[in-house]
Amino acid sequence: MVMEQLTEHLEKLLTETIAEHRRRKDTLRRASWALHIGVLLAGTCVTVLLGIKSGNESYMVWSRNAALILGGLGTLLTALLSFWNLDAYWLQRKVILNQLISLHRQFQYLRAAQNSIGEVQLRAVFDEFERITGRHAEYWEAVLSQIQGDPTITSVLPRSEA
């Protein structure tokens, strides 16, 4: 009875964690793409506005001012991309999500292959779950170390455990 409850709890934990990581990964992906597209559009518009030659002096003043504003916007968006490092965080979430999905599939296989999962197997699945989700905390610890100037941390991307 207790093992069945633990099995159901672990199933629920895996399902909810996967859903949360998927939601956050998708949000980060959309934000990253929006900032990248914004930089691209701002740069393109600046190039077009500065490339158009017209005899109309008021248009020329307007186009230079618009190009200046769009160039500033592109710089701001690039700075946000660099400061937030959304791409690395998005990829970290994606790696964690893929590992959680793989673990969930293995867990479902164990459940289907056996009438009941043993305590040792449940513990192994839970320990792997903890290791995978702990990588999120490791990511932020690495970011904090970089901010604090720790020279031993050189990357905020996941470490290989192999």
Protein backbone atom coordinates (compact mmCIF):
# COMPACT_ATOMS: atom_id res chain seq x y z
CA MET A 1 0.00 0.00 0.00
CA VAL A 2 2.77 2.44 0.94
CA MET A 3 4.75 1.57 -2.20
CA GLU A 4 1.68 2.22 -4.34
CA GLN A 5 1.26 5.64 -2.74
CA LEU A 6 4.94 6.43 -3.27
CA THR A 7 4.68 5.29 -6.88
CA GLU A 8 1.64 7.49 -7.49
CA HIS A 9 3.32 10.42 -5.74
CA LEU A 10 6.45 10.05 -7.87
CA GLU A 11 4.31 9.85 -11.03
CA LYS A 12 2.51 13.05 -10.04
CA LEU A 13 5.79 14.75 -9.13
CA LEU A 14 7.35 13.89 -12.48
CA THR A 15 4.27 14.95 -14.46
CA GLU A 16 3.91 18.29 -12.66
CA THR A 17 7.63 19.09 -12.85
CA ILE A 18 7.72 18.31 -16.57
CA ALA A 19 4.71 20.57 -17.17
CA GLU A 20 6.31 23.42 -15.20
CA HIS A 21 9.67 23.12 -16.97
CA ARG A 22 7.92 22.92 -20.36
CA ARG A 23 5.91 26.07 -19.60
CA ARG A 24 8.95 28.03 -18.44
CA LYS A 25 11.11 26.79 -21.32
CA ASP A 26 8.47 27.90 -23.81
CA THR A 27 8.22 31.32 -22.16
CA LEU A 28 12.00 31.74 -22.30
CA ARG A 29 12.07 30.62 -25.94
CA ARG A 30 9.42 33.15 -26.90
CA ALA A 31 11.18 35.95 -25.01
CA SER A 32 14.53 35.09 -26.59
CA TRP A 33 13.08 34.98 -30.08
CA ALA A 34 11.18 38.24 -29.54
CA LEU A 35 14.35 40.03 -28.47
CA HIS A 36 16.38 38.56 -31.35
CA ILE A 37 13.70 39.46 -33.90
CA GLY A 38 13.40 42.94 -32.37
CA VAL A 39 17.15 43.53 -32.78
CA LEU A 40 17.00 42.25 -36.35
CA LEU A 41 14.02 44.44 -37.27
CA ALA A 42 15.47 47.54 -35.63
CA GLY A 43 18.77 47.07 -37.48
CA THR A 44 17.01 46.46 -40.79
CA CYS A 45 14.85 49.56 -40.41
CA VAL A 46 17.88 51.69 -39.54
CA THR A 47 19.68 50.48 -42.66
CA VAL A 48 16.67 51.19 -44.88
CA LEU A 49 15.96 54.62 -43.36
CA LEU A 50 19.57 55.75 -43.68
CA GLY A 51 19.85 54.32 -47.19
CA ILE A 52 16.88 56.19 -48.66
CA LYS A 53 17.93 59.46 -50.28
CA SER A 54 15.31 62.10 -50.87
CA GLY A 55 15.30 65.73 -51.83
CA ASN A 56 12.76 66.40 -49.08
CA GLU A 57 14.72 67.89 -46.17
CA SER A 58 11.96 67.27 -43.61
CA TYR A 59 11.86 63.58 -44.56
CA MET A 60 15.64 63.35 -44.24
CA VAL A 61 15.52 64.86 -40.73
CA TRP A 62 12.64 62.56 -39.78
CA SER A 63 14.38 59.43 -41.17
CA ARG A 64 17.67 60.24 -39.36
CA ASN A 65 15.78 60.75 -36.08
CA ALA A 66 13.80 57.54 -36.57
CA ALA A 67 17.04 55.67 -37.40
CA LEU A 68 18.65 57.08 -34.25
CA ILE A 69 15.72 55.93 -32.10
CA LEU A 70 15.64 52.49 -33.74
CA GLY A 71 19.42 52.14 -33.33
CA GLY A 72 19.04 52.94 -29.64
CA LEU A 73 16.23 50.40 -29.35
CA GLY A 74 18.40 47.76 -31.04
CA THR A 75 21.23 48.53 -28.61
CA LEU A 76 18.86 48.24 -25.66
CA LEU A 77 17.49 44.90 -26.86
CA THR A 78 21.02 43.58 -27.44
CA ALA A 79 22.03 44.68 -23.96
CA LEU A 80 19.01 42.91 -22.46
CA LEU A 81 19.86 39.72 -24.36
CA SER A 82 23.41 39.88 -23.10
CA PHE A 83 22.51 40.84 -19.52
CA TRP A 84 19.78 38.24 -19.07
CA ASN A 85 21.61 35.56 -21.09
CA LEU A 86 18.21 34.18 -22.07
CA ASP A 87 19.61 31.76 -24.61
CA ALA A 88 21.76 29.92 -22.04
CA TYR A 89 18.91 29.83 -19.53
CA TRP A 90 16.45 28.65 -22.17
CA LEU A 91 18.85 25.87 -23.25
CA GLN A 92 19.44 24.88 -19.61
CA ARG A 93 15.69 24.54 -19.10
CA LYS A 94 15.45 22.54 -22.33
CA VAL A 95 18.19 20.12 -21.21
CA ILE A 96 16.51 19.63 -17.82
CA LEU A 97 13.12 19.12 -19.48
CA ASN A 98 14.50 16.50 -21.88
CA GLN A 99 16.16 14.65 -19.02
CA LEU A 100 12.94 14.72 -17.00
CA ILE A 101 10.95 13.39 -19.96
CA SER A 102 13.48 10.58 -20.39
CA LEU A 103 13.29 9.73 -16.69
CA HIS A 104 9.49 9.75 -16.83
CA ARG A 105 9.54 7.34 -19.77
CA GLN A 106 11.89 5.01 -17.89
CA PHE A 107 9.63 5.20 -14.84
CA GLN A 108 6.55 4.40 -16.94
CA TYR A 109 8.39 1.46 -18.48
CA LEU A 110 9.23 0.12 -15.02
CA ARG A 111 5.60 0.45 -13.98
CA ALA A 112 4.40 -1.36 -17.10
CA ALA A 113 7.04 -4.09 -16.93
CA GLN A 114 6.43 -5.02 -13.30
CA ASN A 115 3.38 -5.50 -11.12
CA SER A 116 4.92 -3.28 -8.48
CA ILE A 117 8.09 -1.27 -8.33
CA GLY A 118 10.46 -2.06 -5.48
CA GLU A 119 11.66 0.43 -2.93
CA VAL A 120 15.21 0.38 -4.36
CA GLN A 121 13.95 1.16 -7.87
CA LEU A 122 11.70 3.94 -6.58
CA ARG A 123 14.61 5.42 -4.63
CA ALA A 124 16.81 5.28 -7.75
CA VAL A 125 14.20 7.09 -9.85
CA PHE A 126 13.67 9.71 -7.13
CA ASP A 127 17.44 10.23 -6.70
CA GLU A 128 17.77 10.75 -10.44
CA PHE A 129 14.85 13.20 -10.32
CA GLU A 130 16.63 15.13 -7.57
CA ARG A 131 19.90 15.15 -9.51
CA ILE A 132 18.20 16.49 -12.64
CA THR A 133 16.17 19.17 -10.88
CA GLY A 134 19.22 20.11 -8.82
CA ARG A 135 20.91 21.24 -12.01
CA HIS A 136 18.62 24.25 -12.01
CA ALA A 137 20.03 25.32 -8.64
CA GLU A 138 23.57 24.63 -9.93
CA TYR A 139 22.90 26.96 -12.87
CA TRP A 140 21.97 29.82 -10.56
CA GLU A 141 24.88 29.09 -8.23
CA ALA A 142 27.21 29.38 -11.23
CA VAL A 143 25.58 32.66 -12.29
CA LEU A 144 25.96 34.02 -8.75
CA SER A 145 29.61 32.94 -8.67
CA GLN A 146 30.25 34.75 -11.95
CA ILE A 147 28.58 37.91 -10.67
CA GLN A 148 30.65 37.76 -7.50
CA GLY A 149 33.79 37.36 -9.59
CA ASP A 150 34.68 33.74 -8.79
CA PRO A 151 37.36 32.90 -11.39
CA THR A 152 36.87 29.13 -10.98
CA ILE A 153 33.46 29.25 -12.68
CA THR A 154 33.89 29.78 -16.41
CA SER A 155 30.52 28.74 -17.78
CA VAL A 156 26.89 28.75 -16.72
CA LEU A 157 26.08 25.90 -19.08
CA PRO A 158 25.47 22.48 -17.55
CA ARG A 159 28.41 20.38 -16.49
CA SER A 160 28.82 16.94 -17.94
CA GLU A 161 28.60 14.21 -15.35
CA ALA A 162 30.08 11.53 -17.59
